[in-house]
N, C-alpha and C. Protein backbone atom coordinates (compact mmCIF):
# COMPACT_ATOMS: atom_id res chain seq x y z
N UNK A 1 104.49 104.39 88.08
CA UNK A 1 104.72 104.94 89.40
C UNK A 1 106.20 104.80 89.74
N UNK A 2 106.88 105.87 90.15
CA UNK A 2 108.29 105.76 90.49
C UNK A 2 108.48 104.92 91.73
N UNK A 3 109.57 104.19 91.79
CA UNK A 3 109.86 103.33 92.93
C UNK A 3 110.31 104.13 94.13
N UNK A 4 110.55 103.45 95.26
CA UNK A 4 111.01 104.12 96.46
C UNK A 4 112.32 104.86 96.20
N UNK A 5 112.51 105.94 96.93
CA UNK A 5 113.71 106.75 96.74
C UNK A 5 114.62 106.60 97.95
N UNK A 6 115.88 106.82 97.73
CA UNK A 6 116.83 106.80 98.83
C UNK A 6 116.67 108.04 99.67
N UNK A 7 116.95 107.91 100.97
CA UNK A 7 116.83 109.01 101.90
C UNK A 7 118.08 109.88 101.85
N UNK A 8 117.88 111.17 101.79
CA UNK A 8 118.98 112.11 101.80
C UNK A 8 118.97 112.90 103.10
N UNK A 9 119.95 112.70 104.00
CA UNK A 9 119.96 113.41 105.27
C UNK A 9 119.93 114.93 105.11
N UNK A 10 120.56 115.48 104.09
CA UNK A 10 120.59 116.94 103.89
C UNK A 10 119.18 117.47 103.61
N UNK A 11 118.39 116.74 102.84
CA UNK A 11 117.03 117.18 102.55
C UNK A 11 116.18 117.16 103.81
N UNK A 12 116.34 116.16 104.63
CA UNK A 12 115.52 116.02 105.82
C UNK A 12 115.77 117.14 106.82
N UNK A 13 117.02 117.55 107.00
CA UNK A 13 117.32 118.60 107.96
C UNK A 13 116.60 119.89 107.64
N UNK A 14 116.39 120.16 106.38
CA UNK A 14 115.76 121.42 106.00
C UNK A 14 114.25 121.39 106.09
N UNK A 15 113.60 120.21 106.00
CA UNK A 15 112.16 120.14 105.87
C UNK A 15 111.43 119.64 107.11
N UNK A 16 112.09 119.07 108.10
CA UNK A 16 111.41 118.47 109.24
C UNK A 16 111.43 119.40 110.44
N UNK A 17 110.29 119.47 111.12
CA UNK A 17 110.22 120.28 112.33
C UNK A 17 110.87 119.52 113.47
N UNK A 18 111.36 120.22 114.51
CA UNK A 18 112.00 119.54 115.64
C UNK A 18 111.06 118.55 116.32
N UNK A 19 109.76 118.86 116.39
CA UNK A 19 108.81 117.96 117.02
C UNK A 19 108.70 116.65 116.26
N UNK A 20 108.60 116.73 114.93
CA UNK A 20 108.44 115.51 114.15
C UNK A 20 109.72 114.66 114.16
N UNK A 21 110.86 115.26 114.40
CA UNK A 21 112.11 114.50 114.46
C UNK A 21 112.21 113.68 115.74
N UNK A 22 111.50 114.07 116.80
CA UNK A 22 111.63 113.41 118.10
C UNK A 22 110.48 112.47 118.41
N UNK A 23 109.40 112.51 117.64
CA UNK A 23 108.24 111.66 117.89
C UNK A 23 108.43 110.31 117.20
N UNK A 24 108.40 109.20 117.98
CA UNK A 24 108.57 107.88 117.34
C UNK A 24 107.40 107.56 116.42
N UNK A 25 107.73 107.07 115.22
CA UNK A 25 106.74 106.65 114.24
C UNK A 25 107.25 105.39 113.58
N UNK A 26 106.33 104.65 112.94
CA UNK A 26 106.69 103.45 112.21
C UNK A 26 107.17 103.83 110.81
N UNK A 27 108.28 103.22 110.40
CA UNK A 27 108.82 103.39 109.06
C UNK A 27 109.11 102.01 108.49
N UNK A 28 109.13 101.91 107.18
CA UNK A 28 109.49 100.66 106.52
C UNK A 28 110.94 100.76 106.08
N UNK A 29 111.76 99.87 106.60
CA UNK A 29 113.17 99.81 106.20
C UNK A 29 113.31 98.73 105.14
N UNK A 30 113.83 99.10 103.98
CA UNK A 30 114.04 98.15 102.90
C UNK A 30 115.38 97.47 103.13
N UNK A 31 115.40 96.14 103.03
CA UNK A 31 116.61 95.38 103.34
C UNK A 31 117.18 94.72 102.09
N UNK A 32 118.40 94.27 102.22
CA UNK A 32 118.99 93.43 101.18
C UNK A 32 118.17 92.15 101.08
N UNK A 33 118.21 91.50 99.94
CA UNK A 33 117.44 90.28 99.73
C UNK A 33 117.77 89.24 100.79
N UNK A 34 116.73 88.67 101.36
CA UNK A 34 116.83 87.61 102.36
C UNK A 34 117.63 87.97 103.61
N UNK A 35 117.65 89.24 103.96
CA UNK A 35 118.35 89.68 105.17
C UNK A 35 117.39 90.18 106.24
N UNK A 36 116.09 89.99 106.07
CA UNK A 36 115.10 90.55 106.99
C UNK A 36 115.31 90.09 108.43
N UNK A 37 115.52 88.78 108.64
CA UNK A 37 115.67 88.26 110.00
C UNK A 37 116.94 88.78 110.65
N UNK A 38 118.03 88.82 109.88
CA UNK A 38 119.29 89.34 110.44
C UNK A 38 119.17 90.81 110.81
N UNK A 39 118.50 91.58 109.94
CA UNK A 39 118.32 93.00 110.21
C UNK A 39 117.48 93.19 111.47
N UNK A 40 116.36 92.46 111.59
CA UNK A 40 115.49 92.59 112.76
C UNK A 40 116.24 92.22 114.04
N UNK A 41 117.03 91.14 114.00
CA UNK A 41 117.80 90.73 115.18
C UNK A 41 118.82 91.80 115.55
N UNK A 42 119.51 92.36 114.56
CA UNK A 42 120.51 93.40 114.83
C UNK A 42 119.85 94.64 115.43
N UNK A 43 118.72 95.05 114.87
CA UNK A 43 118.03 96.23 115.38
C UNK A 43 117.58 96.02 116.83
N UNK A 44 117.10 94.82 117.14
CA UNK A 44 116.70 94.52 118.52
C UNK A 44 117.91 94.61 119.45
N UNK A 45 119.06 94.06 119.00
CA UNK A 45 120.28 94.10 119.83
C UNK A 45 120.73 95.52 120.13
N UNK A 46 120.55 96.45 119.19
CA UNK A 46 121.02 97.83 119.42
C UNK A 46 119.91 98.71 120.02
N UNK A 47 118.77 98.08 120.39
CA UNK A 47 117.72 98.81 121.09
C UNK A 47 116.75 99.57 120.22
N UNK A 48 116.64 99.21 118.95
CA UNK A 48 115.67 99.85 118.06
C UNK A 48 114.43 98.97 118.00
N UNK A 49 113.26 99.57 118.29
CA UNK A 49 112.02 98.81 118.20
C UNK A 49 111.76 98.47 116.73
N UNK A 50 111.63 97.18 116.46
CA UNK A 50 111.40 96.74 115.08
C UNK A 50 110.36 95.65 115.08
N UNK A 51 109.79 95.43 113.92
CA UNK A 51 108.77 94.39 113.77
C UNK A 51 108.96 93.71 112.43
N UNK A 52 109.17 92.42 112.48
CA UNK A 52 109.28 91.61 111.27
C UNK A 52 108.10 90.64 111.28
N UNK A 53 107.14 90.87 110.39
CA UNK A 53 105.96 90.01 110.30
C UNK A 53 106.36 88.72 109.60
N UNK A 54 106.10 87.58 110.25
CA UNK A 54 106.46 86.28 109.70
C UNK A 54 105.24 85.40 109.54
N UNK A 55 105.30 84.46 108.61
CA UNK A 55 104.28 83.44 108.47
C UNK A 55 104.97 82.10 108.30
N UNK A 56 104.24 81.02 108.57
CA UNK A 56 104.80 79.68 108.46
C UNK A 56 104.36 79.07 107.14
N UNK A 57 105.32 78.54 106.42
CA UNK A 57 105.05 77.90 105.13
C UNK A 57 105.74 76.54 105.09
N UNK A 58 105.22 75.66 104.26
CA UNK A 58 105.85 74.36 104.05
C UNK A 58 106.63 74.41 102.75
N UNK A 59 107.89 74.06 102.82
CA UNK A 59 108.76 74.05 101.65
C UNK A 59 109.32 72.65 101.47
N UNK A 60 109.62 72.30 100.24
CA UNK A 60 110.17 70.98 99.97
C UNK A 60 111.53 71.11 99.31
N UNK A 61 112.51 70.40 99.88
CA UNK A 61 113.85 70.31 99.33
C UNK A 61 114.14 68.83 99.11
N UNK A 62 114.45 68.47 97.88
CA UNK A 62 114.67 67.07 97.51
C UNK A 62 113.48 66.22 97.97
N UNK A 63 113.69 65.29 98.86
CA UNK A 63 112.61 64.42 99.35
C UNK A 63 112.10 64.86 100.73
N UNK A 64 112.55 66.00 101.19
CA UNK A 64 112.25 66.42 102.56
C UNK A 64 111.34 67.63 102.57
N UNK A 65 110.30 67.61 103.41
CA UNK A 65 109.41 68.76 103.59
C UNK A 65 109.72 69.38 104.94
N UNK A 66 109.71 70.70 104.98
CA UNK A 66 109.99 71.39 106.24
C UNK A 66 109.09 72.61 106.38
N UNK A 67 108.73 72.91 107.61
CA UNK A 67 107.97 74.13 107.88
C UNK A 67 108.97 75.21 108.25
N UNK A 68 108.87 76.34 107.57
CA UNK A 68 109.81 77.43 107.79
C UNK A 68 109.04 78.73 108.03
N UNK A 69 109.66 79.64 108.76
CA UNK A 69 109.07 80.96 108.96
C UNK A 69 109.69 81.91 107.94
N UNK A 70 108.84 82.57 107.17
CA UNK A 70 109.27 83.48 106.12
C UNK A 70 108.67 84.86 106.35
N UNK A 71 109.33 85.91 105.85
CA UNK A 71 108.79 87.26 106.00
C UNK A 71 107.49 87.42 105.23
N UNK A 72 106.50 88.00 105.89
CA UNK A 72 105.22 88.27 105.26
C UNK A 72 105.35 89.38 104.22
N UNK A 73 106.29 90.30 104.45
CA UNK A 73 106.57 91.39 103.52
C UNK A 73 108.05 91.28 103.14
N UNK A 74 108.37 90.43 102.15
CA UNK A 74 109.78 90.22 101.81
C UNK A 74 110.49 91.54 101.47
N UNK A 75 111.67 91.70 102.07
CA UNK A 75 112.47 92.89 101.79
C UNK A 75 112.22 94.04 102.75
N UNK A 76 111.31 93.86 103.73
CA UNK A 76 110.98 94.98 104.62
C UNK A 76 110.99 94.55 106.08
N UNK A 77 111.50 95.45 106.92
CA UNK A 77 111.40 95.35 108.37
C UNK A 77 110.83 96.69 108.82
N UNK A 78 109.83 96.65 109.68
CA UNK A 78 109.23 97.89 110.18
C UNK A 78 109.97 98.33 111.43
N UNK A 79 110.27 99.62 111.52
CA UNK A 79 110.99 100.17 112.67
C UNK A 79 110.19 101.33 113.24
N UNK A 80 110.16 101.43 114.56
CA UNK A 80 109.49 102.55 115.24
C UNK A 80 110.58 103.39 115.88
N UNK A 81 110.83 104.54 115.26
CA UNK A 81 111.91 105.40 115.72
C UNK A 81 111.51 106.87 115.57
N UNK A 82 112.13 107.74 116.37
CA UNK A 82 112.06 109.16 116.04
C UNK A 82 112.92 109.36 114.79
N UNK A 83 112.52 110.20 113.89
CA UNK A 83 113.27 110.40 112.65
C UNK A 83 114.70 110.85 112.93
N UNK A 84 114.91 111.51 114.06
CA UNK A 84 116.26 111.96 114.42
C UNK A 84 117.22 110.78 114.63
N UNK A 85 116.68 109.58 114.88
CA UNK A 85 117.52 108.40 115.12
C UNK A 85 117.63 107.49 113.89
N UNK A 86 117.28 108.00 112.73
CA UNK A 86 117.26 107.18 111.51
C UNK A 86 118.63 106.60 111.16
N UNK A 87 119.71 107.28 111.53
CA UNK A 87 121.04 106.76 111.18
C UNK A 87 121.35 105.45 111.89
N UNK A 88 120.75 105.23 113.09
CA UNK A 88 120.94 103.95 113.77
C UNK A 88 120.40 102.81 112.91
N UNK A 89 119.29 103.07 112.21
CA UNK A 89 118.68 102.06 111.35
C UNK A 89 119.46 101.97 110.04
N UNK A 90 119.75 103.11 109.44
CA UNK A 90 120.42 103.12 108.13
C UNK A 90 121.83 102.54 108.18
N UNK A 91 122.47 102.59 109.34
CA UNK A 91 123.82 102.04 109.46
C UNK A 91 123.81 100.55 109.81
N UNK A 92 122.64 99.98 110.05
CA UNK A 92 122.57 98.55 110.37
C UNK A 92 122.92 97.73 109.13
N UNK A 93 123.73 96.69 109.30
CA UNK A 93 124.08 95.83 108.15
C UNK A 93 122.82 95.24 107.52
N UNK A 94 122.70 95.37 106.21
CA UNK A 94 121.57 94.81 105.49
C UNK A 94 120.45 95.79 105.21
N UNK A 95 120.47 96.97 105.84
CA UNK A 95 119.43 97.98 105.57
C UNK A 95 119.89 98.83 104.40
N UNK A 96 119.03 98.91 103.37
CA UNK A 96 119.37 99.70 102.19
C UNK A 96 118.90 101.14 102.36
N UNK A 97 117.65 101.33 102.77
CA UNK A 97 117.09 102.68 102.96
C UNK A 97 115.75 102.60 103.66
N UNK A 98 115.28 103.75 104.12
CA UNK A 98 113.92 103.88 104.62
C UNK A 98 113.05 104.27 103.42
N UNK A 99 111.87 103.67 103.31
CA UNK A 99 110.98 103.99 102.20
C UNK A 99 110.64 105.47 102.28
N UNK A 100 110.85 106.18 101.17
CA UNK A 100 110.75 107.63 101.14
C UNK A 100 109.94 108.12 99.96
N UNK A 101 109.50 109.35 100.08
CA UNK A 101 108.87 110.06 98.97
C UNK A 101 109.48 111.45 98.92
N UNK A 102 109.96 111.84 97.76
CA UNK A 102 110.63 113.14 97.55
C UNK A 102 111.78 113.34 98.55
N UNK A 103 112.51 112.28 98.82
CA UNK A 103 113.69 112.39 99.68
C UNK A 103 113.41 112.35 101.17
N UNK A 104 112.14 112.24 101.58
CA UNK A 104 111.77 112.20 102.99
C UNK A 104 111.24 110.83 103.37
N UNK A 105 111.76 110.20 104.43
CA UNK A 105 111.16 108.95 104.90
C UNK A 105 109.68 109.18 105.24
N UNK A 106 108.83 108.28 104.80
CA UNK A 106 107.39 108.42 105.01
C UNK A 106 106.96 107.47 106.12
N UNK A 107 106.34 108.02 107.19
CA UNK A 107 105.89 107.14 108.27
C UNK A 107 104.65 106.36 107.87
N UNK A 108 104.52 105.18 108.42
CA UNK A 108 103.32 104.36 108.27
C UNK A 108 102.34 104.75 109.36
N UNK A 109 101.07 104.65 109.09
CA UNK A 109 100.05 104.95 110.10
C UNK A 109 100.03 103.84 111.14
N UNK A 110 99.90 104.21 112.41
CA UNK A 110 99.77 103.21 113.47
C UNK A 110 98.58 102.30 113.18
N UNK A 111 97.55 102.84 112.51
CA UNK A 111 96.35 102.08 112.19
C UNK A 111 96.63 100.96 111.19
N UNK A 112 97.77 100.99 110.52
CA UNK A 112 98.15 99.91 109.61
C UNK A 112 98.99 98.86 110.32
N UNK A 113 99.88 99.29 111.18
CA UNK A 113 100.83 98.36 111.82
C UNK A 113 100.24 97.66 113.04
N UNK A 114 99.60 98.39 113.94
CA UNK A 114 99.13 97.78 115.19
C UNK A 114 98.10 96.67 114.98
N UNK A 115 97.07 96.86 114.12
CA UNK A 115 96.15 95.73 113.90
C UNK A 115 96.85 94.52 113.25
N UNK A 116 97.82 94.78 112.40
CA UNK A 116 98.58 93.70 111.79
C UNK A 116 99.31 92.90 112.86
N UNK A 117 99.98 93.60 113.77
CA UNK A 117 100.70 92.93 114.85
C UNK A 117 99.73 92.14 115.73
N UNK A 118 98.57 92.73 116.02
CA UNK A 118 97.59 92.05 116.87
C UNK A 118 97.09 90.77 116.22
N UNK A 119 96.72 90.84 114.94
CA UNK A 119 96.16 89.65 114.29
C UNK A 119 97.21 88.55 114.16
N UNK A 120 98.46 88.90 113.90
CA UNK A 120 99.50 87.87 113.79
C UNK A 120 99.86 87.30 115.16
N UNK A 121 99.75 88.12 116.21
CA UNK A 121 100.00 87.63 117.56
C UNK A 121 98.93 86.61 117.97
N UNK A 122 97.74 86.72 117.39
CA UNK A 122 96.64 85.79 117.67
C UNK A 122 96.74 84.53 116.81
N UNK A 123 97.81 84.43 116.04
CA UNK A 123 98.09 83.25 115.20
C UNK A 123 97.03 83.04 114.13
N UNK A 124 96.43 84.12 113.61
CA UNK A 124 95.53 83.98 112.48
C UNK A 124 96.33 83.59 111.26
N UNK A 125 95.76 82.74 110.43
CA UNK A 125 96.46 82.26 109.24
C UNK A 125 96.62 83.41 108.25
N UNK A 126 97.84 83.68 107.83
CA UNK A 126 98.13 84.77 106.89
C UNK A 126 99.20 84.29 105.92
N UNK A 127 99.20 84.90 104.74
CA UNK A 127 100.21 84.60 103.73
C UNK A 127 100.33 85.80 102.81
N UNK A 128 101.50 86.02 102.21
CA UNK A 128 101.63 87.15 101.28
C UNK A 128 100.91 86.83 99.97
N UNK A 129 100.34 87.87 99.38
CA UNK A 129 99.72 87.73 98.07
C UNK A 129 100.11 88.95 97.24
N UNK A 130 99.75 88.94 95.97
CA UNK A 130 100.06 90.08 95.12
C UNK A 130 99.30 91.31 95.61
N UNK A 131 99.93 92.46 95.51
CA UNK A 131 99.30 93.71 95.90
C UNK A 131 98.13 94.00 94.97
N UNK A 132 96.99 94.36 95.54
CA UNK A 132 95.79 94.56 94.74
C UNK A 132 95.54 96.04 94.48
N UNK A 133 95.10 96.36 93.28
CA UNK A 133 94.77 97.73 92.93
C UNK A 133 93.27 97.97 92.89
N UNK A 134 92.49 96.92 92.69
CA UNK A 134 91.05 97.09 92.53
C UNK A 134 90.32 96.09 93.41
N UNK A 135 89.04 96.32 93.64
CA UNK A 135 88.22 95.42 94.44
C UNK A 135 87.41 96.21 95.46
N UNK A 136 86.46 95.56 96.04
CA UNK A 136 85.61 96.22 97.03
C UNK A 136 86.37 96.42 98.33
N UNK A 137 86.32 97.65 98.82
CA UNK A 137 86.94 97.94 100.11
C UNK A 137 85.93 97.62 101.20
N UNK A 138 86.40 96.94 102.24
CA UNK A 138 85.53 96.56 103.34
C UNK A 138 86.19 96.89 104.66
N UNK A 139 85.36 96.93 105.70
CA UNK A 139 85.85 97.16 107.07
C UNK A 139 85.38 95.98 107.92
N UNK A 140 86.26 95.46 108.77
CA UNK A 140 85.89 94.39 109.70
C UNK A 140 85.13 95.04 110.85
N UNK A 141 83.93 94.50 111.16
CA UNK A 141 83.09 95.09 112.20
C UNK A 141 83.01 94.24 113.45
N UNK A 142 83.58 93.02 113.43
CA UNK A 142 83.54 92.16 114.61
C UNK A 142 84.80 91.30 114.63
N UNK A 143 85.14 90.86 115.83
CA UNK A 143 86.29 89.97 115.97
C UNK A 143 87.59 90.70 116.24
N UNK A 144 88.71 89.98 116.27
CA UNK A 144 90.00 90.58 116.64
C UNK A 144 90.51 91.62 115.65
N UNK A 145 90.01 91.60 114.41
CA UNK A 145 90.47 92.56 113.40
C UNK A 145 89.53 93.76 113.29
N UNK A 146 88.60 93.90 114.20
CA UNK A 146 87.60 94.96 114.14
C UNK A 146 88.23 96.33 113.88
N UNK A 147 87.66 97.05 112.89
CA UNK A 147 88.15 98.37 112.53
C UNK A 147 89.14 98.36 111.38
N UNK A 148 89.73 97.22 111.10
CA UNK A 148 90.71 97.13 110.03
C UNK A 148 90.00 97.18 108.68
N UNK A 149 90.57 97.87 107.71
CA UNK A 149 89.99 97.99 106.38
C UNK A 149 90.85 97.23 105.38
N UNK A 150 90.21 96.73 104.34
CA UNK A 150 90.94 96.00 103.32
C UNK A 150 90.05 95.67 102.15
N UNK A 151 90.45 94.64 101.39
CA UNK A 151 89.76 94.23 100.17
C UNK A 151 89.43 92.74 100.31
N UNK A 152 88.32 92.35 99.72
CA UNK A 152 87.94 90.94 99.73
C UNK A 152 88.21 90.33 98.36
N UNK A 153 88.82 89.15 98.35
CA UNK A 153 89.02 88.40 97.12
C UNK A 153 88.59 86.96 97.37
N UNK A 154 88.36 86.22 96.30
CA UNK A 154 88.00 84.81 96.44
C UNK A 154 89.23 83.98 96.09
N UNK A 155 89.52 83.01 96.93
CA UNK A 155 90.65 82.11 96.67
C UNK A 155 90.24 80.72 97.11
N UNK A 156 90.32 79.79 96.20
CA UNK A 156 89.96 78.40 96.49
C UNK A 156 88.60 78.30 97.16
N UNK A 157 87.60 78.97 96.60
CA UNK A 157 86.21 78.94 97.07
C UNK A 157 86.03 79.46 98.49
N UNK A 158 86.92 80.29 98.98
CA UNK A 158 86.78 80.87 100.30
C UNK A 158 86.99 82.38 100.22
N UNK A 159 86.28 83.13 101.06
CA UNK A 159 86.48 84.57 101.12
C UNK A 159 87.75 84.85 101.91
N UNK A 160 88.57 85.73 101.40
CA UNK A 160 89.82 86.11 102.06
C UNK A 160 89.84 87.62 102.21
N UNK A 161 90.23 88.11 103.36
CA UNK A 161 90.35 89.53 103.64
C UNK A 161 91.78 89.93 103.36
N UNK A 162 91.97 90.92 102.52
CA UNK A 162 93.32 91.34 102.13
C UNK A 162 93.65 92.66 102.80
N UNK A 163 94.75 92.66 103.56
CA UNK A 163 95.26 93.87 104.20
C UNK A 163 96.41 94.38 103.36
N UNK A 164 96.30 95.62 102.89
CA UNK A 164 97.34 96.21 102.05
C UNK A 164 98.07 97.31 102.80
N UNK A 165 99.39 97.31 102.72
CA UNK A 165 100.21 98.39 103.26
C UNK A 165 100.62 99.20 102.03
N UNK A 166 99.90 100.29 101.80
CA UNK A 166 100.06 101.05 100.56
C UNK A 166 101.46 101.59 100.35
N UNK A 167 102.13 102.05 101.40
CA UNK A 167 103.44 102.67 101.25
C UNK A 167 104.45 101.74 100.60
N UNK A 168 104.42 100.46 100.97
CA UNK A 168 105.41 99.54 100.42
C UNK A 168 104.82 98.64 99.34
N UNK A 169 103.58 98.88 98.97
CA UNK A 169 102.90 98.13 97.92
C UNK A 169 102.99 96.62 98.14
N UNK A 170 102.61 96.19 99.33
CA UNK A 170 102.58 94.78 99.69
C UNK A 170 101.23 94.49 100.34
N UNK A 171 100.83 93.24 100.33
CA UNK A 171 99.56 92.85 100.91
C UNK A 171 99.65 91.44 101.45
N UNK A 172 98.75 91.11 102.41
CA UNK A 172 98.63 89.76 102.93
C UNK A 172 97.15 89.39 102.93
N UNK A 173 96.86 88.10 102.92
CA UNK A 173 95.48 87.63 102.96
C UNK A 173 95.24 86.89 104.27
N UNK A 174 94.05 87.12 104.86
CA UNK A 174 93.68 86.50 106.12
C UNK A 174 92.28 85.92 105.95
N UNK A 175 92.06 84.70 106.44
CA UNK A 175 90.71 84.13 106.42
C UNK A 175 89.83 84.90 107.37
N UNK A 176 88.64 85.28 106.92
CA UNK A 176 87.72 86.03 107.76
C UNK A 176 86.29 85.65 107.38
N UNK A 177 85.38 85.66 108.34
CA UNK A 177 83.98 85.36 108.08
C UNK A 177 83.34 86.57 107.41
N UNK A 178 82.68 86.35 106.27
CA UNK A 178 82.05 87.44 105.53
C UNK A 178 81.02 88.19 106.33
N UNK A 179 80.42 87.56 107.36
CA UNK A 179 79.43 88.23 108.18
C UNK A 179 80.04 89.31 109.06
N UNK A 180 81.35 89.28 109.24
CA UNK A 180 82.04 90.26 110.08
C UNK A 180 82.49 91.48 109.29
N UNK A 181 82.03 91.62 108.03
CA UNK A 181 82.49 92.70 107.16
C UNK A 181 81.35 93.64 106.78
N UNK A 182 81.70 94.90 106.53
CA UNK A 182 80.74 95.86 105.97
C UNK A 182 81.40 96.56 104.79
N UNK A 183 80.61 96.82 103.76
CA UNK A 183 81.11 97.48 102.56
C UNK A 183 81.39 98.94 102.86
N UNK A 184 82.54 99.47 102.43
CA UNK A 184 82.90 100.87 102.65
C UNK A 184 82.50 101.71 101.46
N UNK A 185 82.90 101.30 100.26
CA UNK A 185 82.67 102.10 99.06
C UNK A 185 81.88 101.28 98.05
N UNK A 186 80.57 101.50 98.00
CA UNK A 186 79.73 100.71 97.10
C UNK A 186 79.85 101.18 95.66
N UNK A 187 80.48 102.32 95.41
CA UNK A 187 80.62 102.84 94.05
C UNK A 187 81.82 102.26 93.32
N UNK A 188 82.75 101.67 94.07
CA UNK A 188 83.95 101.12 93.44
C UNK A 188 83.60 99.90 92.62
N UNK A 189 84.16 99.81 91.44
CA UNK A 189 83.91 98.64 90.59
C UNK A 189 84.72 97.48 91.10
N UNK A 190 84.09 96.33 91.36
CA UNK A 190 84.83 95.20 91.89
C UNK A 190 85.77 94.62 90.85
N UNK A 191 86.86 94.08 91.32
CA UNK A 191 87.78 93.37 90.44
C UNK A 191 87.09 92.08 90.00
N UNK A 192 87.50 91.47 88.90
CA UNK A 192 86.85 90.26 88.41
C UNK A 192 86.78 89.15 89.45
N UNK A 193 87.77 89.03 90.33
CA UNK A 193 87.76 87.95 91.30
C UNK A 193 87.34 88.43 92.69
N UNK A 194 86.84 89.66 92.81
CA UNK A 194 86.46 90.19 94.12
C UNK A 194 85.05 89.74 94.48
N UNK A 195 84.83 89.53 95.78
CA UNK A 195 83.50 89.20 96.26
C UNK A 195 83.23 90.01 97.52
N UNK A 196 82.00 90.15 97.88
CA UNK A 196 81.61 90.83 99.12
C UNK A 196 80.80 89.85 99.94
N UNK A 197 81.38 88.74 100.29
CA UNK A 197 80.62 87.75 101.03
C UNK A 197 81.26 87.54 102.39
């Protein structure tokens, strides 16, 4: 699969309708390594709505342990902008490009970003994991994540609900009660470590 492509302003002018250029949508901005927090702060200062999903992890340096906030999606900051304002984001220090396909920035569905923001605002335990290609797809039918779809995997004898953001090929795992889930596609072959509990 080819990797993300750089955005070409000349291509966008020819292919986008005036309406789509003015409607704010969520985009994934790819950042320089370890610049996510600086990019998010800069975007907030210049009035661009942005979202940097963070999680708390314990790290050890020498004999000292510390709790630190790290990006849930390393290398990415989500921005909600009309496409016509993309240069404000692209000119921000640390932003490499907007995730694109065939030279066009690709918007993320609100259905992917808003539930993610809601669950993290509720302080649900989350952590980044490897992006999954296979496994049973499920939908949450109860609780704060209701309506969200994802994959179930087993980790350390516990069921974990995996939320994948397909555009940037990243995923996070959230603890969820198996009783709050319903199977979406019973024909899909489960991954070796997938469970539907």
